[in-house]
Amino acid sequence: MLFSLPADASDVIYSCAVKEQKIALTFDDGPHPTYTDEILDILREYHVKATFFLVGENAEWYPEIVAREAREGHELGNHSYSHVDLKKADRAAVCREIDEAERAIWENFEYRPHLLRPPGGCYGDTLVKVAADRDYTLVCWSIDTRDWAHTPVDVIVKNVLDHAASGDILLFHDYIAGNSPTPDALRILIPKLLAQGYEFVTVSELMEGRRD
C-alpha cells in the first residue's frame, strides 16, 4: 500500500529523489523483547543498516536491545515517549512526548536522535513547529507494509516488490502484538531487493544522497 501525501506535507520527508538505487528500511514502535533481536540478526546476516524509530517507554524497558542497535551501526529515531497521537495533542503534550523520548535515548545511550516519526504518521502545525524548534526532521514513509495489521508474508512481499523504487522509505514495525510477519517477510525481501541492485541505507544516508 502506497501512502497518500497530505496537502501540508512539505515539511515532512516521505521519500527522497536520489541519484543511486538506494532504499531505506525503517522500524517503528520498538524495541520488542523478541522480534527486534530477530530482525537485527537478519540485518546483520545481509550487512544491511536500518533506522529504528524508538518509543521512549520501550527503550527504557529494553535498553540492551537499543544498545545493540546502536552498536551494530543502525540509526535511532524518536517515535514519542508513549506513542500518543501527536496531531491531537496540545503543544505542552507534544513537547513532553518528544523531550521524554529524547531523554530516554540520551540517558541510556548518549545518542541524540535528529529524526522524528509521529505515531501513525499523524501531524499538524503544532508538531511541525515543535520539531523545527528542536532541530528534528519529520519522517514518514512512502510504502506501508501493513505488517502491523498481521498482513500475510506473501502479500507484504508482493506489495513491496511491486512498488519499490529508488529513494523509497519502507515502513515496518519491530514491535507488534501477537505473531509478527515481519521477520519472515524480511528474509524474502532483503535478498530479492539486493539482487535487483538496491543498496539499503539509513534514512539520514538517504537524505544525504538527494539530488540537487
N, C-alpha and C. Protein backbone atom coordinates (compact mmCIF):
# COMPACT_ATOMS: atom_id res chain seq x y z
N MET A 1 0.84 -1.20 0.00
CA MET A 1 0.00 0.00 0.00
C MET A 1 0.87 1.24 0.00
N LEU A 2 0.69 2.10 -0.96
CA LEU A 2 1.40 3.37 -1.01
C LEU A 2 0.70 4.38 -0.11
N PHE A 3 1.49 5.29 0.45
CA PHE A 3 0.93 6.29 1.35
C PHE A 3 0.60 7.55 0.56
N SER A 4 -0.62 8.05 0.72
CA SER A 4 -1.02 9.28 0.03
C SER A 4 -0.56 10.49 0.83
N LEU A 5 0.16 11.39 0.19
CA LEU A 5 0.69 12.56 0.88
C LEU A 5 -0.40 13.59 1.12
N PRO A 6 -0.51 14.09 2.36
CA PRO A 6 -1.47 15.16 2.63
C PRO A 6 -1.01 16.46 1.99
N ALA A 7 -1.91 17.42 1.95
CA ALA A 7 -1.60 18.67 1.27
C ALA A 7 -0.48 19.45 1.95
N ASP A 8 -0.30 19.27 3.28
CA ASP A 8 0.69 20.04 4.02
C ASP A 8 1.95 19.25 4.28
N ALA A 9 2.37 18.43 3.31
CA ALA A 9 3.48 17.51 3.51
C ALA A 9 4.85 18.11 3.23
N SER A 10 4.93 19.42 2.96
CA SER A 10 6.21 20.00 2.54
C SER A 10 7.27 19.94 3.63
N ASP A 11 6.85 19.88 4.90
CA ASP A 11 7.81 19.84 6.00
C ASP A 11 8.15 18.43 6.44
N VAL A 12 7.71 17.43 5.72
CA VAL A 12 7.87 16.03 6.12
C VAL A 12 8.52 15.24 4.99
N ILE A 13 9.45 14.36 5.36
CA ILE A 13 10.10 13.50 4.38
C ILE A 13 9.30 12.21 4.23
N TYR A 14 8.90 11.92 3.01
CA TYR A 14 8.21 10.66 2.71
C TYR A 14 9.10 9.74 1.88
N SER A 15 9.89 10.32 1.01
CA SER A 15 10.86 9.60 0.19
C SER A 15 11.88 10.63 -0.28
N CYS A 16 12.92 10.17 -0.94
CA CYS A 16 13.96 11.09 -1.41
C CYS A 16 14.29 10.80 -2.87
N ALA A 17 14.41 11.85 -3.65
CA ALA A 17 14.88 11.70 -5.03
C ALA A 17 16.39 11.56 -4.98
N VAL A 18 16.88 10.36 -5.22
CA VAL A 18 18.31 10.08 -5.08
C VAL A 18 18.94 9.74 -6.42
N LYS A 19 20.24 9.89 -6.48
CA LYS A 19 20.96 9.63 -7.72
C LYS A 19 21.21 8.14 -7.93
N GLU A 20 21.29 7.40 -6.84
CA GLU A 20 21.63 5.99 -6.92
C GLU A 20 20.46 5.13 -6.47
N GLN A 21 20.59 3.82 -6.65
CA GLN A 21 19.50 2.89 -6.34
C GLN A 21 19.55 2.54 -4.85
N LYS A 22 19.05 3.46 -4.04
CA LYS A 22 19.08 3.28 -2.59
C LYS A 22 17.67 3.28 -2.03
N ILE A 23 17.52 2.57 -0.91
CA ILE A 23 16.22 2.41 -0.27
C ILE A 23 16.45 2.30 1.23
N ALA A 24 15.47 2.73 2.01
CA ALA A 24 15.64 2.74 3.47
C ALA A 24 14.59 1.86 4.14
N LEU A 25 15.06 0.97 5.00
CA LEU A 25 14.18 0.19 5.87
C LEU A 25 14.02 0.95 7.18
N THR A 26 12.78 1.07 7.65
CA THR A 26 12.54 1.68 8.94
C THR A 26 11.63 0.79 9.77
N PHE A 27 11.83 0.85 11.09
CA PHE A 27 11.07 0.01 12.01
C PHE A 27 10.54 0.88 13.14
N ASP A 28 9.24 0.78 13.40
CA ASP A 28 8.59 1.60 14.42
C ASP A 28 8.22 0.80 15.66
N ASP A 29 8.05 1.52 16.76
CA ASP A 29 7.37 1.07 17.99
C ASP A 29 8.24 0.25 18.93
N GLY A 30 9.43 -0.13 18.53
CA GLY A 30 10.26 -0.97 19.37
C GLY A 30 10.99 -0.19 20.45
N PRO A 31 11.90 -0.92 21.12
CA PRO A 31 12.24 -2.31 20.84
C PRO A 31 11.25 -3.31 21.45
N HIS A 32 11.23 -4.50 20.85
CA HIS A 32 10.43 -5.63 21.31
C HIS A 32 11.38 -6.67 21.88
N PRO A 33 11.01 -7.37 22.95
CA PRO A 33 11.94 -8.29 23.60
C PRO A 33 12.36 -9.48 22.75
N THR A 34 11.58 -9.81 21.71
CA THR A 34 11.91 -10.95 20.85
C THR A 34 12.16 -10.53 19.41
N TYR A 35 11.20 -9.81 18.84
CA TYR A 35 11.25 -9.53 17.40
C TYR A 35 12.40 -8.62 17.01
N THR A 36 12.76 -7.66 17.85
CA THR A 36 13.83 -6.75 17.46
C THR A 36 15.15 -7.49 17.29
N ASP A 37 15.47 -8.37 18.22
CA ASP A 37 16.71 -9.15 18.09
C ASP A 37 16.67 -10.04 16.85
N GLU A 38 15.52 -10.61 16.55
CA GLU A 38 15.39 -11.45 15.36
C GLU A 38 15.62 -10.63 14.10
N ILE A 39 15.05 -9.44 14.07
CA ILE A 39 15.25 -8.54 12.93
C ILE A 39 16.71 -8.13 12.82
N LEU A 40 17.34 -7.81 13.93
CA LEU A 40 18.75 -7.42 13.92
C LEU A 40 19.63 -8.55 13.41
N ASP A 41 19.29 -9.78 13.75
CA ASP A 41 20.05 -10.93 13.24
C ASP A 41 19.98 -10.99 11.72
N ILE A 42 18.79 -10.75 11.18
CA ILE A 42 18.60 -10.79 9.72
C ILE A 42 19.39 -9.66 9.06
N LEU A 43 19.29 -8.47 9.62
CA LEU A 43 20.02 -7.34 9.05
C LEU A 43 21.52 -7.58 9.09
N ARG A 44 22.00 -8.14 10.16
CA ARG A 44 23.44 -8.43 10.26
C ARG A 44 23.87 -9.47 9.24
N GLU A 45 23.02 -10.47 9.02
CA GLU A 45 23.35 -11.52 8.05
C GLU A 45 23.58 -10.93 6.66
N TYR A 46 22.80 -9.93 6.29
CA TYR A 46 22.90 -9.34 4.95
C TYR A 46 23.68 -8.02 4.94
N HIS A 47 24.27 -7.66 6.07
CA HIS A 47 25.07 -6.42 6.16
C HIS A 47 24.23 -5.20 5.78
N VAL A 48 23.02 -5.16 6.30
CA VAL A 48 22.07 -4.10 5.99
C VAL A 48 21.91 -3.19 7.21
N LYS A 49 21.90 -1.89 6.96
CA LYS A 49 21.64 -0.91 8.01
C LYS A 49 20.23 -0.36 7.86
N ALA A 50 19.60 -0.05 9.00
CA ALA A 50 18.22 0.42 9.01
C ALA A 50 18.07 1.54 10.03
N THR A 51 16.88 2.13 10.06
CA THR A 51 16.55 3.17 11.02
C THR A 51 15.44 2.67 11.93
N PHE A 52 15.67 2.71 13.23
CA PHE A 52 14.69 2.26 14.22
C PHE A 52 14.11 3.48 14.94
N PHE A 53 12.80 3.68 14.80
CA PHE A 53 12.13 4.77 15.49
C PHE A 53 11.60 4.23 16.82
N LEU A 54 12.23 4.69 17.90
CA LEU A 54 12.01 4.10 19.22
C LEU A 54 10.90 4.80 19.99
N VAL A 55 10.09 4.01 20.66
CA VAL A 55 9.17 4.53 21.67
C VAL A 55 9.96 4.62 22.98
N GLY A 56 9.96 5.80 23.59
CA GLY A 56 10.79 6.02 24.77
C GLY A 56 10.55 5.02 25.89
N GLU A 57 9.30 4.72 26.16
CA GLU A 57 8.98 3.76 27.22
C GLU A 57 9.61 2.40 26.92
N ASN A 58 9.51 1.96 25.69
CA ASN A 58 10.07 0.65 25.33
C ASN A 58 11.59 0.66 25.39
N ALA A 59 12.19 1.79 25.02
CA ALA A 59 13.64 1.89 25.11
C ALA A 59 14.10 1.76 26.56
N GLU A 60 13.31 2.29 27.49
CA GLU A 60 13.65 2.16 28.91
C GLU A 60 13.47 0.73 29.40
N TRP A 61 12.50 0.03 28.86
CA TRP A 61 12.27 -1.36 29.26
C TRP A 61 13.36 -2.28 28.73
N TYR A 62 13.86 -2.02 27.53
CA TYR A 62 14.80 -2.95 26.88
C TYR A 62 16.06 -2.21 26.40
N PRO A 63 16.80 -1.61 27.31
CA PRO A 63 17.96 -0.81 26.91
C PRO A 63 19.04 -1.63 26.23
N GLU A 64 19.17 -2.90 26.58
CA GLU A 64 20.22 -3.71 25.97
C GLU A 64 19.97 -3.94 24.49
N ILE A 65 18.72 -3.95 24.08
CA ILE A 65 18.41 -4.13 22.66
C ILE A 65 18.72 -2.85 21.89
N VAL A 66 18.38 -1.72 22.47
CA VAL A 66 18.71 -0.45 21.82
C VAL A 66 20.22 -0.29 21.72
N ALA A 67 20.92 -0.69 22.77
CA ALA A 67 22.38 -0.63 22.73
C ALA A 67 22.93 -1.47 21.59
N ARG A 68 22.31 -2.61 21.35
CA ARG A 68 22.74 -3.44 20.22
C ARG A 68 22.48 -2.74 18.89
N GLU A 69 21.32 -2.11 18.76
CA GLU A 69 21.02 -1.38 17.52
C GLU A 69 22.11 -0.35 17.23
N ALA A 70 22.45 0.43 18.24
CA ALA A 70 23.47 1.46 18.06
C ALA A 70 24.84 0.84 17.79
N ARG A 71 25.17 -0.20 18.51
CA ARG A 71 26.48 -0.85 18.37
C ARG A 71 26.67 -1.42 16.97
N GLU A 72 25.59 -1.90 16.37
CA GLU A 72 25.68 -2.53 15.06
C GLU A 72 25.48 -1.54 13.92
N GLY A 73 25.48 -0.26 14.23
CA GLY A 73 25.51 0.77 13.19
C GLY A 73 24.17 1.22 12.65
N HIS A 74 23.09 0.90 13.35
CA HIS A 74 21.78 1.34 12.89
C HIS A 74 21.47 2.73 13.43
N GLU A 75 20.56 3.41 12.75
CA GLU A 75 20.18 4.76 13.15
C GLU A 75 19.01 4.70 14.12
N LEU A 76 19.03 5.56 15.14
CA LEU A 76 17.95 5.63 16.11
C LEU A 76 17.15 6.90 15.90
N GLY A 77 15.83 6.77 15.86
CA GLY A 77 14.95 7.91 15.70
C GLY A 77 13.97 8.00 16.86
N ASN A 78 13.36 9.15 17.01
CA ASN A 78 12.39 9.44 18.07
C ASN A 78 10.99 9.12 17.55
N HIS A 79 10.24 8.32 18.33
CA HIS A 79 8.87 7.96 17.94
C HIS A 79 7.89 8.30 19.07
N SER A 80 8.25 9.33 19.85
CA SER A 80 7.49 9.79 21.02
C SER A 80 7.78 8.89 22.21
N TYR A 81 7.37 9.35 23.37
CA TYR A 81 7.64 8.58 24.59
C TYR A 81 6.63 7.48 24.83
N SER A 82 5.34 7.77 24.59
CA SER A 82 4.31 6.78 24.91
C SER A 82 3.37 6.48 23.75
N HIS A 83 3.78 6.86 22.54
CA HIS A 83 3.04 6.52 21.32
C HIS A 83 1.62 7.10 21.33
N VAL A 84 1.53 8.39 21.59
CA VAL A 84 0.24 9.07 21.53
C VAL A 84 0.09 9.76 20.17
N ASP A 85 -1.14 10.15 19.87
CA ASP A 85 -1.43 10.87 18.63
C ASP A 85 -0.97 12.31 18.80
N LEU A 86 0.17 12.65 18.22
CA LEU A 86 0.73 13.99 18.39
C LEU A 86 -0.04 15.05 17.63
N LYS A 87 -0.84 14.64 16.67
CA LYS A 87 -1.65 15.62 15.94
C LYS A 87 -2.76 16.17 16.83
N LYS A 88 -3.27 15.34 17.72
CA LYS A 88 -4.38 15.75 18.59
C LYS A 88 -3.89 16.37 19.90
N ALA A 89 -2.61 16.21 20.21
CA ALA A 89 -2.08 16.69 21.48
C ALA A 89 -1.84 18.20 21.44
N ASP A 90 -1.93 18.84 22.61
CA ASP A 90 -1.60 20.26 22.67
C ASP A 90 -0.09 20.43 22.70
N ARG A 91 0.36 21.69 22.62
CA ARG A 91 1.79 21.94 22.50
C ARG A 91 2.57 21.37 23.68
N ALA A 92 2.04 21.53 24.88
CA ALA A 92 2.76 21.03 26.07
C ALA A 92 2.94 19.52 25.99
N ALA A 93 1.90 18.81 25.57
CA ALA A 93 1.99 17.35 25.47
C ALA A 93 2.94 16.93 24.37
N VAL A 94 2.92 17.64 23.25
CA VAL A 94 3.84 17.34 22.14
C VAL A 94 5.28 17.49 22.61
N CYS A 95 5.56 18.61 23.27
CA CYS A 95 6.92 18.85 23.77
C CYS A 95 7.33 17.76 24.75
N ARG A 96 6.43 17.41 25.64
CA ARG A 96 6.74 16.40 26.65
C ARG A 96 7.04 15.04 26.00
N GLU A 97 6.24 14.65 25.04
CA GLU A 97 6.43 13.36 24.38
C GLU A 97 7.77 13.29 23.64
N ILE A 98 8.10 14.36 22.94
CA ILE A 98 9.36 14.38 22.21
C ILE A 98 10.55 14.44 23.17
N ASP A 99 10.46 15.32 24.16
CA ASP A 99 11.59 15.52 25.07
C ASP A 99 11.85 14.30 25.95
N GLU A 100 10.78 13.65 26.41
CA GLU A 100 10.97 12.48 27.26
C GLU A 100 11.54 11.30 26.48
N ALA A 101 11.13 11.14 25.23
CA ALA A 101 11.72 10.09 24.40
C ALA A 101 13.19 10.38 24.15
N GLU A 102 13.50 11.64 23.86
CA GLU A 102 14.89 12.02 23.64
C GLU A 102 15.73 11.78 24.89
N ARG A 103 15.16 12.14 26.04
CA ARG A 103 15.88 11.92 27.31
C ARG A 103 16.16 10.44 27.53
N ALA A 104 15.15 9.59 27.28
CA ALA A 104 15.32 8.16 27.49
C ALA A 104 16.44 7.60 26.61
N ILE A 105 16.52 8.10 25.39
CA ILE A 105 17.57 7.63 24.47
C ILE A 105 18.93 8.18 24.88
N TRP A 106 18.98 9.47 25.23
CA TRP A 106 20.26 10.09 25.57
C TRP A 106 20.83 9.52 26.87
N GLU A 107 20.00 9.41 27.90
CA GLU A 107 20.50 8.96 29.20
C GLU A 107 21.02 7.53 29.17
N ASN A 108 20.43 6.71 28.34
CA ASN A 108 20.86 5.31 28.26
C ASN A 108 21.97 5.08 27.26
N PHE A 109 22.01 5.87 26.18
CA PHE A 109 22.91 5.54 25.07
C PHE A 109 23.77 6.71 24.60
N GLU A 110 23.59 7.90 25.21
CA GLU A 110 24.32 9.11 24.81
C GLU A 110 24.22 9.32 23.30
N TYR A 111 23.01 9.17 22.82
CA TYR A 111 22.70 9.31 21.39
C TYR A 111 21.54 10.29 21.29
N ARG A 112 21.73 11.36 20.54
CA ARG A 112 20.68 12.35 20.37
C ARG A 112 20.07 12.19 18.99
N PRO A 113 18.85 11.63 18.90
CA PRO A 113 18.23 11.46 17.59
C PRO A 113 17.89 12.80 16.96
N HIS A 114 17.91 12.83 15.63
CA HIS A 114 17.53 14.05 14.92
C HIS A 114 16.40 13.79 13.92
N LEU A 115 15.91 12.56 13.91
CA LEU A 115 14.75 12.21 13.09
C LEU A 115 13.57 11.90 14.01
N LEU A 116 12.41 12.38 13.64
CA LEU A 116 11.20 12.17 14.43
C LEU A 116 10.11 11.61 13.53
N ARG A 117 9.57 10.49 13.92
CA ARG A 117 8.41 9.94 13.19
C ARG A 117 7.20 10.00 14.10
N PRO A 118 6.17 10.75 13.73
CA PRO A 118 4.97 10.82 14.57
C PRO A 118 4.20 9.51 14.51
N PRO A 119 3.71 9.02 15.65
CA PRO A 119 2.92 7.79 15.64
C PRO A 119 1.77 7.88 14.65
N GLY A 120 1.64 6.82 13.86
CA GLY A 120 0.58 6.78 12.86
C GLY A 120 0.81 7.69 11.68
N GLY A 121 1.95 8.39 11.66
CA GLY A 121 2.20 9.35 10.60
C GLY A 121 1.32 10.59 10.70
N CYS A 122 0.73 10.82 11.90
CA CYS A 122 -0.21 11.92 12.08
C CYS A 122 0.50 13.15 12.63
N TYR A 123 0.33 14.28 11.98
CA TYR A 123 0.96 15.51 12.43
C TYR A 123 0.13 16.72 12.02
N GLY A 124 0.37 17.81 12.72
CA GLY A 124 -0.28 19.07 12.40
C GLY A 124 0.71 20.21 12.58
N ASP A 125 0.22 21.43 12.51
CA ASP A 125 1.10 22.60 12.56
C ASP A 125 1.90 22.65 13.86
N THR A 126 1.28 22.28 14.98
CA THR A 126 1.98 22.34 16.26
C THR A 126 3.19 21.43 16.26
N LEU A 127 3.02 20.20 15.82
CA LEU A 127 4.13 19.25 15.79
C LEU A 127 5.22 19.72 14.83
N VAL A 128 4.83 20.23 13.68
CA VAL A 128 5.82 20.72 12.71
C VAL A 128 6.67 21.83 13.32
N LYS A 129 6.03 22.74 14.05
CA LYS A 129 6.77 23.85 14.66
C LYS A 129 7.66 23.38 15.81
N VAL A 130 7.14 22.49 16.65
CA VAL A 130 7.93 21.99 17.77
C VAL A 130 9.13 21.19 17.26
N ALA A 131 8.92 20.38 16.25
CA ALA A 131 10.02 19.60 15.68
C ALA A 131 11.10 20.52 15.13
N ALA A 132 10.69 21.56 14.42
CA ALA A 132 11.66 22.51 13.86
C ALA A 132 12.43 23.22 14.96
N ASP A 133 11.73 23.60 16.03
CA ASP A 133 12.39 24.28 17.15
C ASP A 133 13.46 23.39 17.79
N ARG A 134 13.25 22.09 17.74
CA ARG A 134 14.17 21.14 18.36
C ARG A 134 15.13 20.51 17.35
N ASP A 135 15.13 21.06 16.16
CA ASP A 135 16.05 20.61 15.12
C ASP A 135 15.81 19.14 14.73
N TYR A 136 14.55 18.75 14.69
CA TYR A 136 14.17 17.42 14.22
C TYR A 136 13.67 17.50 12.78
N THR A 137 13.96 16.47 12.01
CA THR A 137 13.35 16.29 10.70
C THR A 137 12.21 15.28 10.85
N LEU A 138 11.03 15.66 10.41
CA LEU A 138 9.88 14.75 10.46
C LEU A 138 9.96 13.77 9.30
N VAL A 139 9.82 12.48 9.61
CA VAL A 139 9.96 11.43 8.60
C VAL A 139 8.74 10.52 8.65
N CYS A 140 8.09 10.33 7.51
CA CYS A 140 7.03 9.33 7.40
C CYS A 140 7.52 8.20 6.49
N TRP A 141 6.80 7.85 5.47
CA TRP A 141 7.17 6.71 4.63
C TRP A 141 6.45 6.80 3.29
N SER A 142 6.98 6.07 2.32
CA SER A 142 6.33 6.02 1.01
C SER A 142 5.67 4.67 0.75
N ILE A 143 6.08 3.64 1.46
CA ILE A 143 5.44 2.31 1.34
C ILE A 143 5.14 1.78 2.74
N ASP A 144 3.87 1.53 2.99
CA ASP A 144 3.42 0.94 4.25
C ASP A 144 3.22 -0.55 4.03
N THR A 145 4.03 -1.36 4.69
CA THR A 145 3.92 -2.81 4.50
C THR A 145 2.71 -3.41 5.21
N ARG A 146 2.11 -2.63 6.10
CA ARG A 146 0.96 -3.08 6.89
C ARG A 146 1.27 -4.35 7.68
N ASP A 147 2.51 -4.49 8.08
CA ASP A 147 2.85 -5.63 8.93
C ASP A 147 2.14 -5.54 10.27
N TRP A 148 1.87 -4.30 10.71
CA TRP A 148 1.17 -4.08 11.98
C TRP A 148 -0.23 -4.70 11.99
N ALA A 149 -0.81 -4.88 10.79
CA ALA A 149 -2.14 -5.47 10.66
C ALA A 149 -2.07 -6.99 10.47
N HIS A 150 -0.88 -7.56 10.71
CA HIS A 150 -0.66 -9.01 10.54
C HIS A 150 -0.96 -9.45 9.10
N THR A 151 -0.58 -8.58 8.16
CA THR A 151 -0.72 -8.90 6.75
C THR A 151 0.11 -10.14 6.42
N PRO A 152 -0.42 -11.07 5.63
CA PRO A 152 0.36 -12.27 5.29
C PRO A 152 1.69 -11.93 4.62
N VAL A 153 2.66 -12.76 4.87
CA VAL A 153 4.02 -12.51 4.37
C VAL A 153 4.03 -12.34 2.86
N ASP A 154 3.33 -13.20 2.13
CA ASP A 154 3.37 -13.12 0.67
C ASP A 154 2.76 -11.82 0.15
N VAL A 155 1.78 -11.29 0.88
CA VAL A 155 1.17 -10.02 0.48
C VAL A 155 2.14 -8.87 0.72
N ILE A 156 2.82 -8.90 1.86
CA ILE A 156 3.83 -7.87 2.15
C ILE A 156 4.90 -7.88 1.07
N VAL A 157 5.40 -9.05 0.75
CA VAL A 157 6.48 -9.17 -0.24
C VAL A 157 6.02 -8.64 -1.60
N LYS A 158 4.85 -9.03 -2.03
CA LYS A 158 4.35 -8.59 -3.33
C LYS A 158 4.16 -7.08 -3.35
N ASN A 159 3.60 -6.53 -2.29
CA ASN A 159 3.38 -5.09 -2.22
C ASN A 159 4.68 -4.32 -2.37
N VAL A 160 5.70 -4.74 -1.65
CA VAL A 160 6.98 -4.04 -1.70
C VAL A 160 7.63 -4.20 -3.08
N LEU A 161 7.68 -5.42 -3.58
CA LEU A 161 8.34 -5.65 -4.87
C LEU A 161 7.61 -4.95 -6.02
N ASP A 162 6.29 -4.85 -5.91
CA ASP A 162 5.51 -4.19 -6.98
C ASP A 162 5.70 -2.68 -6.98
N HIS A 163 6.02 -2.09 -5.83
CA HIS A 163 6.03 -0.64 -5.73
C HIS A 163 7.38 -0.02 -5.43
N ALA A 164 8.34 -0.81 -4.99
CA ALA A 164 9.62 -0.24 -4.55
C ALA A 164 10.32 0.50 -5.68
N ALA A 165 10.90 1.65 -5.33
CA ALA A 165 11.68 2.44 -6.26
C ALA A 165 12.79 3.14 -5.49
N SER A 166 13.80 3.58 -6.20
CA SER A 166 14.91 4.28 -5.55
C SER A 166 14.40 5.47 -4.74
N GLY A 167 14.93 5.60 -3.53
CA GLY A 167 14.54 6.70 -2.67
C GLY A 167 13.38 6.42 -1.76
N ASP A 168 12.79 5.23 -1.85
CA ASP A 168 11.65 4.90 -1.01
C ASP A 168 12.06 4.69 0.44
N ILE A 169 11.12 4.99 1.33
CA ILE A 169 11.25 4.70 2.76
C ILE A 169 10.16 3.68 3.09
N LEU A 170 10.59 2.50 3.54
CA LEU A 170 9.66 1.41 3.84
C LEU A 170 9.32 1.38 5.31
N LEU A 171 8.03 1.27 5.61
CA LEU A 171 7.56 1.21 6.99
C LEU A 171 7.33 -0.23 7.42
N PHE A 172 8.12 -0.66 8.41
CA PHE A 172 7.91 -1.92 9.11
C PHE A 172 7.77 -1.61 10.59
N HIS A 173 7.48 -2.63 11.38
CA HIS A 173 7.41 -2.49 12.83
C HIS A 173 8.18 -3.64 13.48
N ASP A 174 9.00 -3.29 14.48
CA ASP A 174 9.65 -4.37 15.22
C ASP A 174 8.89 -4.71 16.50
N TYR A 175 7.89 -3.88 16.85
CA TYR A 175 7.02 -4.22 17.97
C TYR A 175 5.61 -4.40 17.44
N ILE A 176 5.14 -5.65 17.45
CA ILE A 176 3.79 -5.99 17.01
C ILE A 176 3.21 -6.95 18.03
N ALA A 177 1.98 -6.70 18.45
CA ALA A 177 1.32 -7.61 19.38
C ALA A 177 0.95 -8.90 18.66
N GLY A 178 1.17 -10.03 19.31
CA GLY A 178 0.88 -11.30 18.68
C GLY A 178 1.99 -11.70 17.74
N ASN A 179 1.66 -12.59 16.81
CA ASN A 179 2.66 -13.08 15.87
C ASN A 179 2.97 -12.04 14.81
N SER A 180 4.25 -11.82 14.58
CA SER A 180 4.68 -10.82 13.61
C SER A 180 5.09 -11.47 12.30
N PRO A 181 4.61 -10.92 11.17
CA PRO A 181 5.05 -11.43 9.86
C PRO A 181 6.37 -10.81 9.41
N THR A 182 6.85 -9.82 10.15
CA THR A 182 7.97 -9.01 9.68
C THR A 182 9.26 -9.79 9.45
N PRO A 183 9.74 -10.60 10.41
CA PRO A 183 10.99 -11.31 10.16
C PRO A 183 10.94 -12.19 8.91
N ASP A 184 9.87 -12.94 8.73
CA ASP A 184 9.78 -13.82 7.56
C ASP A 184 9.71 -13.00 6.27
N ALA A 185 9.03 -11.87 6.30
CA ALA A 185 8.97 -11.02 5.11
C ALA A 185 10.36 -10.48 4.78
N LEU A 186 11.10 -10.07 5.79
CA LEU A 186 12.44 -9.54 5.56
C LEU A 186 13.37 -10.59 4.97
N ARG A 187 13.24 -11.82 5.42
CA ARG A 187 14.11 -12.90 4.91
C ARG A 187 13.92 -13.11 3.41
N ILE A 188 12.75 -12.78 2.91
CA ILE A 188 12.48 -12.89 1.48
C ILE A 188 12.84 -11.60 0.75
N LEU A 189 12.42 -10.48 1.32
CA LEU A 189 12.56 -9.20 0.63
C LEU A 189 14.00 -8.73 0.50
N ILE A 190 14.78 -8.84 1.56
CA ILE A 190 16.12 -8.28 1.52
C ILE A 190 16.96 -8.89 0.40
N PRO A 191 17.07 -10.22 0.30
CA PRO A 191 17.88 -10.76 -0.80
C PRO A 191 17.30 -10.45 -2.18
N LYS A 192 15.98 -10.37 -2.30
CA LYS A 192 15.38 -10.04 -3.60
C LYS A 192 15.72 -8.61 -4.01
N LEU A 193 15.63 -7.68 -3.08
CA LEU A 193 15.95 -6.29 -3.39
C LEU A 193 17.44 -6.10 -3.63
N LEU A 194 18.26 -6.81 -2.89
CA LEU A 194 19.70 -6.76 -3.15
C LEU A 194 20.01 -7.27 -4.55
N ALA A 195 19.33 -8.34 -4.95
CA ALA A 195 19.54 -8.91 -6.28
C ALA A 195 19.11 -7.94 -7.39
N GLN A 196 18.16 -7.06 -7.06
CA GLN A 196 17.71 -6.06 -8.04
C GLN A 196 18.63 -4.84 -8.07
N GLY A 197 19.65 -4.85 -7.23
CA GLY A 197 20.61 -3.76 -7.26
C GLY A 197 20.43 -2.68 -6.22
N TYR A 198 19.48 -2.87 -5.30
CA TYR A 198 19.26 -1.86 -4.27
C TYR A 198 20.33 -1.92 -3.19
N GLU A 199 20.67 -0.75 -2.69
CA GLU A 199 21.53 -0.62 -1.52
C GLU A 199 20.66 -0.12 -0.37
N PHE A 200 20.72 -0.82 0.76
CA PHE A 200 19.95 -0.41 1.93
C PHE A 200 20.76 0.60 2.73
N VAL A 201 20.13 1.74 3.05
CA VAL A 201 20.81 2.79 3.80
C VAL A 201 19.88 3.28 4.91
N THR A 202 20.44 4.03 5.85
CA THR A 202 19.61 4.67 6.85
C THR A 202 18.87 5.85 6.22
N VAL A 203 17.88 6.35 6.93
CA VAL A 203 17.13 7.50 6.41
C VAL A 203 18.05 8.70 6.24
N SER A 204 18.93 8.93 7.20
CA SER A 204 19.85 10.07 7.08
C SER A 204 20.75 9.93 5.86
N GLU A 205 21.23 8.72 5.61
CA GLU A 205 22.06 8.49 4.43
C GLU A 205 21.26 8.70 3.15
N LEU A 206 20.00 8.30 3.17
CA LEU A 206 19.13 8.51 2.01
C LEU A 206 18.96 10.00 1.74
N MET A 207 18.76 10.76 2.81
CA MET A 207 18.60 12.21 2.68
C MET A 207 19.88 12.87 2.16
N GLU A 208 21.01 12.37 2.59
CA GLU A 208 22.29 12.93 2.15
C GLU A 208 22.52 12.72 0.66
N GLY A 209 21.87 11.68 0.09
CA GLY A 209 22.07 11.36 -1.31
C GLY A 209 21.07 12.01 -2.25
N ARG A 210 20.28 12.94 -1.71
CA ARG A 210 19.26 13.58 -2.55
C ARG A 210 19.88 14.39 -3.68
N ARG A 211 19.23 14.36 -4.83
CA ARG A 211 19.67 15.17 -5.98
C ARG A 211 19.39 16.63 -5.70
N ASP A 212 20.24 17.49 -6.21
CA ASP A 212 20.05 18.94 -6.06
C ASP A 212 18.94 19.41 -6.99
